[in-house]
Amino acid sequence: MIENTEFQKLKKQYPEFFSQFSEKFWDFLFSEDTAFRVVEICIKNGVENEEEIEKIASRITLVLLNQIPKENLTEVLMKGVRLDSNTANQISQEAEKLIFSQVPEILKEEEFTQPAPSVKPELKPLLEIKPEEKPKEARKDIYREPIE
């Protein structure tokens, strides 16, 4: 969980970003309860590796910040965290029930706006993780004979 002084420093550094969400939303996002729920969902679904739990938590945070659609969370977890489809789907469904479903209640009181496009992270690496490709060497075409 982020410390209050760190949070205040971040708010001063990035006022545009933080002004787009209510204080109540930020309290929910950084609460111990939310963090506990993410860990609980992961452990319940057999993910106990701390690094994988952190990756899952960051993707859930991206959904909460409207950076990726919650409908794509299963796919993002499969490709970005390398979870099998069943585990990724279960985590996505439980996150919907235990975390995402609470956001509308928080936002009822205040209007929620989309983050500015300049704040949006590049999602391509999350969706298209491929092994490093080596550049192909130019090969001599063995089927073509030189014309004399």
N, C-alpha and C. Protein backbone atom coordinates (compact mmCIF):
# COMPACT_ATOMS: atom_id res chain seq x y z
N MET A 1 0.84 -1.18 0.00
CA MET A 1 0.00 0.00 0.00
C MET A 1 0.88 1.24 0.00
N ILE A 2 0.48 2.24 -0.72
CA ILE A 2 1.25 3.47 -0.84
C ILE A 2 1.06 4.33 0.41
N GLU A 3 2.14 4.91 0.88
CA GLU A 3 2.09 5.76 2.06
C GLU A 3 1.44 7.10 1.69
N ASN A 4 0.81 7.73 2.66
CA ASN A 4 0.09 8.98 2.42
C ASN A 4 1.03 10.08 1.92
N THR A 5 2.23 10.18 2.47
CA THR A 5 3.16 11.22 2.03
C THR A 5 3.60 10.97 0.58
N GLU A 6 3.82 9.72 0.21
CA GLU A 6 4.18 9.39 -1.17
C GLU A 6 3.03 9.74 -2.10
N PHE A 7 1.83 9.45 -1.66
CA PHE A 7 0.64 9.73 -2.46
C PHE A 7 0.52 11.24 -2.69
N GLN A 8 0.75 12.03 -1.67
CA GLN A 8 0.65 13.48 -1.79
C GLN A 8 1.72 14.02 -2.75
N LYS A 9 2.92 13.44 -2.71
CA LYS A 9 3.99 13.86 -3.64
C LYS A 9 3.58 13.55 -5.08
N LEU A 10 3.03 12.37 -5.29
CA LEU A 10 2.60 11.98 -6.63
C LEU A 10 1.48 12.90 -7.12
N LYS A 11 0.56 13.25 -6.23
CA LYS A 11 -0.53 14.15 -6.61
C LYS A 11 0.00 15.51 -7.05
N LYS A 12 1.06 15.98 -6.39
CA LYS A 12 1.64 17.27 -6.76
C LYS A 12 2.38 17.18 -8.09
N GLN A 13 3.02 16.04 -8.34
CA GLN A 13 3.78 15.87 -9.57
C GLN A 13 2.87 15.69 -10.79
N TYR A 14 1.73 15.01 -10.60
CA TYR A 14 0.83 14.70 -11.71
C TYR A 14 -0.60 15.15 -11.42
N PRO A 15 -0.79 16.46 -11.27
CA PRO A 15 -2.12 16.94 -10.89
C PRO A 15 -3.21 16.64 -11.92
N GLU A 16 -2.87 16.67 -13.21
CA GLU A 16 -3.86 16.38 -14.25
C GLU A 16 -4.43 14.98 -14.08
N PHE A 17 -3.56 14.03 -13.86
CA PHE A 17 -3.98 12.64 -13.73
C PHE A 17 -4.85 12.44 -12.50
N PHE A 18 -4.38 12.93 -11.37
CA PHE A 18 -5.09 12.69 -10.11
C PHE A 18 -6.40 13.49 -10.01
N SER A 19 -6.50 14.58 -10.73
CA SER A 19 -7.74 15.36 -10.66
C SER A 19 -8.88 14.69 -11.42
N GLN A 20 -8.57 13.70 -12.24
CA GLN A 20 -9.59 13.03 -13.03
C GLN A 20 -10.36 11.98 -12.24
N PHE A 21 -9.93 11.70 -11.03
CA PHE A 21 -10.60 10.71 -10.19
C PHE A 21 -10.86 11.32 -8.82
N SER A 22 -11.92 10.86 -8.19
CA SER A 22 -12.30 11.41 -6.88
C SER A 22 -11.38 10.88 -5.78
N GLU A 23 -11.34 11.60 -4.68
CA GLU A 23 -10.57 11.15 -3.51
C GLU A 23 -11.07 9.79 -3.02
N LYS A 24 -12.37 9.62 -3.07
CA LYS A 24 -12.97 8.36 -2.63
C LYS A 24 -12.48 7.19 -3.49
N PHE A 25 -12.36 7.43 -4.79
CA PHE A 25 -11.85 6.41 -5.70
C PHE A 25 -10.41 6.06 -5.36
N TRP A 26 -9.56 7.09 -5.15
CA TRP A 26 -8.15 6.83 -4.82
C TRP A 26 -8.03 6.09 -3.49
N ASP A 27 -8.88 6.45 -2.53
CA ASP A 27 -8.86 5.74 -1.24
C ASP A 27 -9.20 4.26 -1.45
N PHE A 28 -10.18 4.00 -2.29
CA PHE A 28 -10.55 2.62 -2.61
C PHE A 28 -9.40 1.89 -3.31
N LEU A 29 -8.79 2.54 -4.30
CA LEU A 29 -7.72 1.92 -5.08
C LEU A 29 -6.52 1.56 -4.21
N PHE A 30 -6.15 2.45 -3.29
CA PHE A 30 -4.97 2.22 -2.47
C PHE A 30 -5.27 1.59 -1.11
N SER A 31 -6.49 1.17 -0.89
CA SER A 31 -6.84 0.63 0.42
C SER A 31 -6.25 -0.77 0.63
N GLU A 32 -6.02 -1.09 1.88
CA GLU A 32 -5.53 -2.42 2.23
C GLU A 32 -6.57 -3.48 1.89
N ASP A 33 -7.83 -3.12 2.00
CA ASP A 33 -8.91 -4.05 1.69
C ASP A 33 -8.85 -4.49 0.22
N THR A 34 -8.64 -3.53 -0.67
CA THR A 34 -8.54 -3.85 -2.10
C THR A 34 -7.32 -4.73 -2.36
N ALA A 35 -6.20 -4.38 -1.77
CA ALA A 35 -4.98 -5.18 -1.94
C ALA A 35 -5.19 -6.60 -1.40
N PHE A 36 -5.84 -6.70 -0.26
CA PHE A 36 -6.11 -8.02 0.33
C PHE A 36 -7.00 -8.85 -0.59
N ARG A 37 -8.00 -8.21 -1.19
CA ARG A 37 -8.90 -8.93 -2.10
C ARG A 37 -8.16 -9.47 -3.31
N VAL A 38 -7.25 -8.68 -3.86
CA VAL A 38 -6.47 -9.14 -5.02
C VAL A 38 -5.64 -10.36 -4.64
N VAL A 39 -4.96 -10.29 -3.50
CA VAL A 39 -4.15 -11.42 -3.04
C VAL A 39 -5.03 -12.64 -2.78
N GLU A 40 -6.16 -12.42 -2.16
CA GLU A 40 -7.10 -13.51 -1.86
C GLU A 40 -7.58 -14.19 -3.15
N ILE A 41 -7.92 -13.40 -4.16
CA ILE A 41 -8.35 -13.94 -5.45
C ILE A 41 -7.24 -14.78 -6.07
N CYS A 42 -6.02 -14.27 -6.03
CA CYS A 42 -4.89 -14.98 -6.63
C CYS A 42 -4.64 -16.31 -5.92
N ILE A 43 -4.57 -16.28 -4.61
CA ILE A 43 -4.29 -17.51 -3.85
C ILE A 43 -5.40 -18.52 -4.04
N LYS A 44 -6.63 -18.07 -4.05
CA LYS A 44 -7.77 -18.96 -4.24
C LYS A 44 -7.68 -19.68 -5.59
N ASN A 45 -7.08 -19.03 -6.56
CA ASN A 45 -6.96 -19.60 -7.90
C ASN A 45 -5.59 -20.21 -8.18
N GLY A 46 -4.82 -20.47 -7.13
CA GLY A 46 -3.56 -21.19 -7.27
C GLY A 46 -2.36 -20.36 -7.65
N VAL A 47 -2.47 -19.04 -7.64
CA VAL A 47 -1.33 -18.17 -7.95
C VAL A 47 -0.75 -17.70 -6.63
N GLU A 48 0.41 -18.23 -6.27
CA GLU A 48 1.01 -17.87 -5.00
C GLU A 48 2.35 -17.16 -5.15
N ASN A 49 2.86 -17.11 -6.37
CA ASN A 49 4.12 -16.43 -6.65
C ASN A 49 3.91 -14.93 -6.50
N GLU A 50 4.72 -14.31 -5.66
CA GLU A 50 4.57 -12.88 -5.35
C GLU A 50 4.70 -12.01 -6.60
N GLU A 51 5.62 -12.35 -7.48
CA GLU A 51 5.82 -11.59 -8.70
C GLU A 51 4.58 -11.66 -9.60
N GLU A 52 3.99 -12.84 -9.72
CA GLU A 52 2.78 -13.00 -10.52
C GLU A 52 1.61 -12.24 -9.90
N ILE A 53 1.50 -12.27 -8.58
CA ILE A 53 0.43 -11.53 -7.89
C ILE A 53 0.58 -10.03 -8.17
N GLU A 54 1.81 -9.52 -8.15
CA GLU A 54 2.03 -8.10 -8.44
C GLU A 54 1.63 -7.77 -9.88
N LYS A 55 1.94 -8.67 -10.82
CA LYS A 55 1.56 -8.44 -12.22
C LYS A 55 0.04 -8.44 -12.36
N ILE A 56 -0.63 -9.35 -11.68
CA ILE A 56 -2.09 -9.41 -11.73
C ILE A 56 -2.68 -8.15 -11.12
N ALA A 57 -2.13 -7.72 -9.99
CA ALA A 57 -2.62 -6.49 -9.33
C ALA A 57 -2.45 -5.28 -10.24
N SER A 58 -1.34 -5.20 -10.96
CA SER A 58 -1.15 -4.05 -11.84
C SER A 58 -2.15 -4.06 -12.99
N ARG A 59 -2.49 -5.24 -13.51
CA ARG A 59 -3.49 -5.31 -14.58
C ARG A 59 -4.89 -4.98 -14.07
N ILE A 60 -5.20 -5.39 -12.85
CA ILE A 60 -6.49 -5.04 -12.25
C ILE A 60 -6.55 -3.52 -12.05
N THR A 61 -5.44 -2.93 -11.65
CA THR A 61 -5.38 -1.48 -11.48
C THR A 61 -5.61 -0.77 -12.81
N LEU A 62 -5.03 -1.30 -13.89
CA LEU A 62 -5.24 -0.71 -15.21
C LEU A 62 -6.72 -0.74 -15.59
N VAL A 63 -7.41 -1.81 -15.22
CA VAL A 63 -8.85 -1.89 -15.48
C VAL A 63 -9.57 -0.82 -14.67
N LEU A 64 -9.22 -0.69 -13.40
CA LEU A 64 -9.87 0.30 -12.54
C LEU A 64 -9.64 1.73 -13.04
N LEU A 65 -8.49 1.97 -13.66
CA LEU A 65 -8.18 3.29 -14.19
C LEU A 65 -8.67 3.48 -15.63
N ASN A 66 -9.45 2.52 -16.10
CA ASN A 66 -10.01 2.55 -17.46
C ASN A 66 -8.93 2.59 -18.55
N GLN A 67 -7.80 1.97 -18.28
CA GLN A 67 -6.75 1.90 -19.28
C GLN A 67 -6.90 0.66 -20.17
N ILE A 68 -7.54 -0.37 -19.65
CA ILE A 68 -7.91 -1.54 -20.45
C ILE A 68 -9.34 -1.91 -20.08
N PRO A 69 -10.12 -2.39 -21.03
CA PRO A 69 -11.50 -2.79 -20.72
C PRO A 69 -11.51 -4.04 -19.85
N LYS A 70 -12.42 -4.10 -18.90
CA LYS A 70 -12.46 -5.27 -18.02
C LYS A 70 -12.80 -6.53 -18.80
N GLU A 71 -13.44 -6.38 -19.96
CA GLU A 71 -13.76 -7.54 -20.79
C GLU A 71 -12.49 -8.19 -21.36
N ASN A 72 -11.40 -7.44 -21.42
CA ASN A 72 -10.13 -7.95 -21.96
C ASN A 72 -9.20 -8.46 -20.87
N LEU A 73 -9.60 -8.40 -19.63
CA LEU A 73 -8.70 -8.78 -18.53
C LEU A 73 -8.23 -10.22 -18.65
N THR A 74 -9.11 -11.14 -19.01
CA THR A 74 -8.71 -12.54 -19.14
C THR A 74 -7.58 -12.68 -20.14
N GLU A 75 -7.73 -12.07 -21.29
CA GLU A 75 -6.71 -12.16 -22.34
C GLU A 75 -5.40 -11.51 -21.89
N VAL A 76 -5.51 -10.36 -21.24
CA VAL A 76 -4.32 -9.65 -20.76
C VAL A 76 -3.58 -10.49 -19.72
N LEU A 77 -4.32 -11.17 -18.85
CA LEU A 77 -3.69 -12.03 -17.83
C LEU A 77 -3.02 -13.24 -18.48
N MET A 78 -3.66 -13.77 -19.51
CA MET A 78 -3.07 -14.93 -20.20
C MET A 78 -1.77 -14.55 -20.89
N LYS A 79 -1.75 -13.42 -21.56
CA LYS A 79 -0.57 -13.03 -22.34
C LYS A 79 0.48 -12.30 -21.50
N GLY A 80 0.02 -11.44 -20.60
CA GLY A 80 0.96 -10.62 -19.83
C GLY A 80 1.54 -11.31 -18.61
N VAL A 81 0.74 -12.19 -17.98
CA VAL A 81 1.20 -12.88 -16.77
C VAL A 81 1.48 -14.35 -17.08
N ARG A 82 1.07 -14.76 -18.28
CA ARG A 82 1.26 -16.14 -18.75
C ARG A 82 0.48 -17.15 -17.90
N LEU A 83 -0.79 -16.80 -17.63
CA LEU A 83 -1.67 -17.72 -16.92
C LEU A 83 -2.43 -18.57 -17.93
N ASP A 84 -2.84 -19.77 -17.51
CA ASP A 84 -3.67 -20.58 -18.39
C ASP A 84 -5.05 -19.93 -18.48
N SER A 85 -5.80 -20.28 -19.52
CA SER A 85 -7.07 -19.60 -19.78
C SER A 85 -8.08 -19.78 -18.65
N ASN A 86 -8.12 -20.96 -18.04
CA ASN A 86 -9.06 -21.21 -16.95
C ASN A 86 -8.75 -20.33 -15.74
N THR A 87 -7.48 -20.29 -15.33
CA THR A 87 -7.08 -19.48 -14.17
C THR A 87 -7.32 -18.00 -14.44
N ALA A 88 -6.94 -17.54 -15.64
CA ALA A 88 -7.13 -16.13 -15.99
C ALA A 88 -8.61 -15.77 -15.98
N ASN A 89 -9.45 -16.65 -16.49
CA ASN A 89 -10.89 -16.40 -16.52
C ASN A 89 -11.47 -16.36 -15.11
N GLN A 90 -11.05 -17.28 -14.26
CA GLN A 90 -11.54 -17.30 -12.87
C GLN A 90 -11.14 -16.03 -12.13
N ILE A 91 -9.89 -15.61 -12.29
CA ILE A 91 -9.41 -14.39 -11.64
C ILE A 91 -10.20 -13.18 -12.14
N SER A 92 -10.43 -13.13 -13.44
CA SER A 92 -11.19 -12.03 -14.03
C SER A 92 -12.62 -11.98 -13.47
N GLN A 93 -13.27 -13.12 -13.39
CA GLN A 93 -14.64 -13.18 -12.87
C GLN A 93 -14.70 -12.77 -11.39
N GLU A 94 -13.76 -13.25 -10.61
CA GLU A 94 -13.76 -12.90 -9.18
C GLU A 94 -13.40 -11.43 -8.96
N ALA A 95 -12.52 -10.89 -9.79
CA ALA A 95 -12.19 -9.47 -9.69
C ALA A 95 -13.44 -8.63 -10.00
N GLU A 96 -14.23 -9.09 -10.96
CA GLU A 96 -15.48 -8.41 -11.28
C GLU A 96 -16.42 -8.39 -10.08
N LYS A 97 -16.55 -9.56 -9.44
CA LYS A 97 -17.46 -9.68 -8.29
C LYS A 97 -16.98 -8.89 -7.07
N LEU A 98 -15.69 -9.03 -6.74
CA LEU A 98 -15.19 -8.49 -5.48
C LEU A 98 -14.61 -7.08 -5.56
N ILE A 99 -14.17 -6.66 -6.75
CA ILE A 99 -13.49 -5.37 -6.85
C ILE A 99 -14.22 -4.42 -7.79
N PHE A 100 -14.36 -4.82 -9.06
CA PHE A 100 -14.95 -3.92 -10.06
C PHE A 100 -16.39 -3.55 -9.73
N SER A 101 -17.10 -4.44 -9.12
CA SER A 101 -18.51 -4.17 -8.80
C SER A 101 -18.66 -3.06 -7.76
N GLN A 102 -17.63 -2.78 -6.99
CA GLN A 102 -17.70 -1.74 -5.97
C GLN A 102 -17.49 -0.34 -6.53
N VAL A 103 -16.86 -0.25 -7.69
CA VAL A 103 -16.54 1.06 -8.26
C VAL A 103 -17.79 1.89 -8.57
N PRO A 104 -18.84 1.32 -9.17
CA PRO A 104 -20.03 2.16 -9.41
C PRO A 104 -20.60 2.79 -8.15
N GLU A 105 -20.56 2.09 -7.04
CA GLU A 105 -21.05 2.66 -5.78
C GLU A 105 -20.21 3.86 -5.36
N ILE A 106 -18.92 3.76 -5.55
CA ILE A 106 -18.02 4.85 -5.19
C ILE A 106 -18.25 6.05 -6.09
N LEU A 107 -18.51 5.78 -7.36
CA LEU A 107 -18.63 6.85 -8.34
C LEU A 107 -20.02 7.46 -8.43
N LYS A 108 -20.99 6.89 -7.74
CA LYS A 108 -22.35 7.44 -7.77
C LYS A 108 -22.36 8.90 -7.31
N GLU A 109 -21.57 9.19 -6.32
CA GLU A 109 -21.57 10.52 -5.73
C GLU A 109 -20.88 11.56 -6.61
N GLU A 110 -19.88 11.12 -7.36
CA GLU A 110 -19.11 12.06 -8.17
C GLU A 110 -19.03 11.58 -9.60
N GLU A 111 -18.89 12.51 -10.51
CA GLU A 111 -18.80 12.15 -11.92
C GLU A 111 -17.41 11.60 -12.22
N PHE A 112 -17.38 10.53 -12.97
CA PHE A 112 -16.13 9.87 -13.34
C PHE A 112 -15.78 10.25 -14.77
N THR A 113 -14.56 10.68 -14.99
CA THR A 113 -14.14 11.02 -16.35
C THR A 113 -13.01 10.11 -16.78
N GLN A 114 -12.88 9.93 -18.05
CA GLN A 114 -11.82 9.10 -18.62
C GLN A 114 -10.48 9.79 -18.44
N PRO A 115 -9.41 9.03 -18.23
CA PRO A 115 -8.08 9.64 -18.20
C PRO A 115 -7.74 10.24 -19.56
N ALA A 116 -6.93 11.26 -19.55
CA ALA A 116 -6.51 11.89 -20.79
C ALA A 116 -5.69 10.89 -21.60
N PRO A 117 -5.79 10.94 -22.93
CA PRO A 117 -5.04 10.01 -23.77
C PRO A 117 -3.54 10.10 -23.54
N SER A 118 -3.02 11.26 -23.13
CA SER A 118 -1.59 11.39 -22.91
C SER A 118 -1.12 10.58 -21.71
N VAL A 119 -2.03 10.16 -20.84
CA VAL A 119 -1.68 9.41 -19.65
C VAL A 119 -1.73 7.91 -19.92
N LYS A 120 -2.39 7.52 -21.00
CA LYS A 120 -2.60 6.11 -21.30
C LYS A 120 -1.27 5.40 -21.57
N PRO A 121 -0.98 4.29 -20.90
CA PRO A 121 0.25 3.56 -21.18
C PRO A 121 0.13 2.80 -22.49
N GLU A 122 1.24 2.43 -23.04
CA GLU A 122 1.26 1.64 -24.26
C GLU A 122 0.84 0.22 -23.89
N LEU A 123 -0.28 -0.24 -24.45
CA LEU A 123 -0.81 -1.56 -24.11
C LEU A 123 -0.31 -2.65 -25.03
N LYS A 124 0.32 -2.29 -26.12
CA LYS A 124 0.77 -3.28 -27.07
C LYS A 124 1.66 -4.35 -26.41
N PRO A 125 2.62 -3.98 -25.55
CA PRO A 125 3.44 -5.02 -24.93
C PRO A 125 2.61 -5.99 -24.08
N LEU A 126 1.51 -5.54 -23.48
CA LEU A 126 0.69 -6.43 -22.67
C LEU A 126 -0.07 -7.43 -23.53
N LEU A 127 -0.48 -6.99 -24.71
CA LEU A 127 -1.32 -7.83 -25.55
C LEU A 127 -0.53 -8.65 -26.56
N GLU A 128 0.65 -8.22 -26.91
CA GLU A 128 1.42 -8.92 -27.93
C GLU A 128 2.81 -9.26 -27.43
N ILE A 129 2.91 -10.13 -26.47
CA ILE A 129 4.21 -10.53 -25.97
C ILE A 129 4.70 -11.68 -26.83
N LYS A 130 5.79 -11.45 -27.53
CA LYS A 130 6.36 -12.45 -28.41
C LYS A 130 7.82 -12.66 -28.03
N PRO A 131 8.32 -13.86 -28.25
CA PRO A 131 9.74 -14.06 -28.00
C PRO A 131 10.55 -13.20 -28.96
N GLU A 132 11.75 -12.86 -28.54
CA GLU A 132 12.58 -12.00 -29.38
C GLU A 132 12.85 -12.70 -30.70
N GLU A 133 12.66 -11.96 -31.76
CA GLU A 133 12.90 -12.51 -33.08
C GLU A 133 14.25 -12.03 -33.57
N LYS A 134 15.04 -12.96 -34.12
CA LYS A 134 16.33 -12.60 -34.68
C LYS A 134 16.10 -12.15 -36.11
N PRO A 135 16.83 -11.14 -36.54
CA PRO A 135 16.68 -10.72 -37.93
C PRO A 135 17.11 -11.84 -38.87
N LYS A 136 16.36 -12.01 -39.94
CA LYS A 136 16.67 -13.08 -40.89
C LYS A 136 17.86 -12.67 -41.74
N GLU A 137 18.75 -13.63 -41.93
CA GLU A 137 19.91 -13.38 -42.76
C GLU A 137 19.52 -13.56 -44.22
N ALA A 138 20.14 -12.77 -45.05
CA ALA A 138 19.89 -12.92 -46.47
C ALA A 138 20.53 -14.24 -46.92
N ARG A 139 19.74 -15.07 -47.57
CA ARG A 139 20.24 -16.37 -48.02
C ARG A 139 20.33 -16.39 -49.54
N LYS A 140 21.20 -17.20 -49.98
CA LYS A 140 21.34 -17.39 -51.41
C LYS A 140 20.22 -18.31 -51.87
N ASP A 141 19.54 -17.92 -52.91
CA ASP A 141 18.45 -18.73 -53.44
C ASP A 141 19.05 -19.88 -54.21
N ILE A 142 18.90 -21.10 -53.69
CA ILE A 142 19.52 -22.27 -54.32
C ILE A 142 18.75 -22.75 -55.53
N TYR A 143 17.54 -22.28 -55.72
CA TYR A 143 16.71 -22.72 -56.84
C TYR A 143 16.93 -21.89 -58.11
N ARG A 144 17.57 -20.78 -57.97
CA ARG A 144 17.83 -19.95 -59.14
C ARG A 144 19.29 -20.10 -59.55
N GLU A 145 19.47 -20.34 -60.80
CA GLU A 145 20.82 -20.46 -61.34
C GLU A 145 21.17 -19.17 -62.06
N PRO A 146 22.40 -18.80 -61.99
CA PRO A 146 22.79 -17.58 -62.72
C PRO A 146 22.59 -17.75 -64.23
N ILE A 147 22.16 -16.70 -64.86
CA ILE A 147 21.96 -16.73 -66.30
C ILE A 147 23.28 -16.37 -66.96
N GLU A 148 23.68 -17.19 -67.93
CA GLU A 148 24.97 -16.94 -68.59
C GLU A 148 24.78 -16.34 -69.93
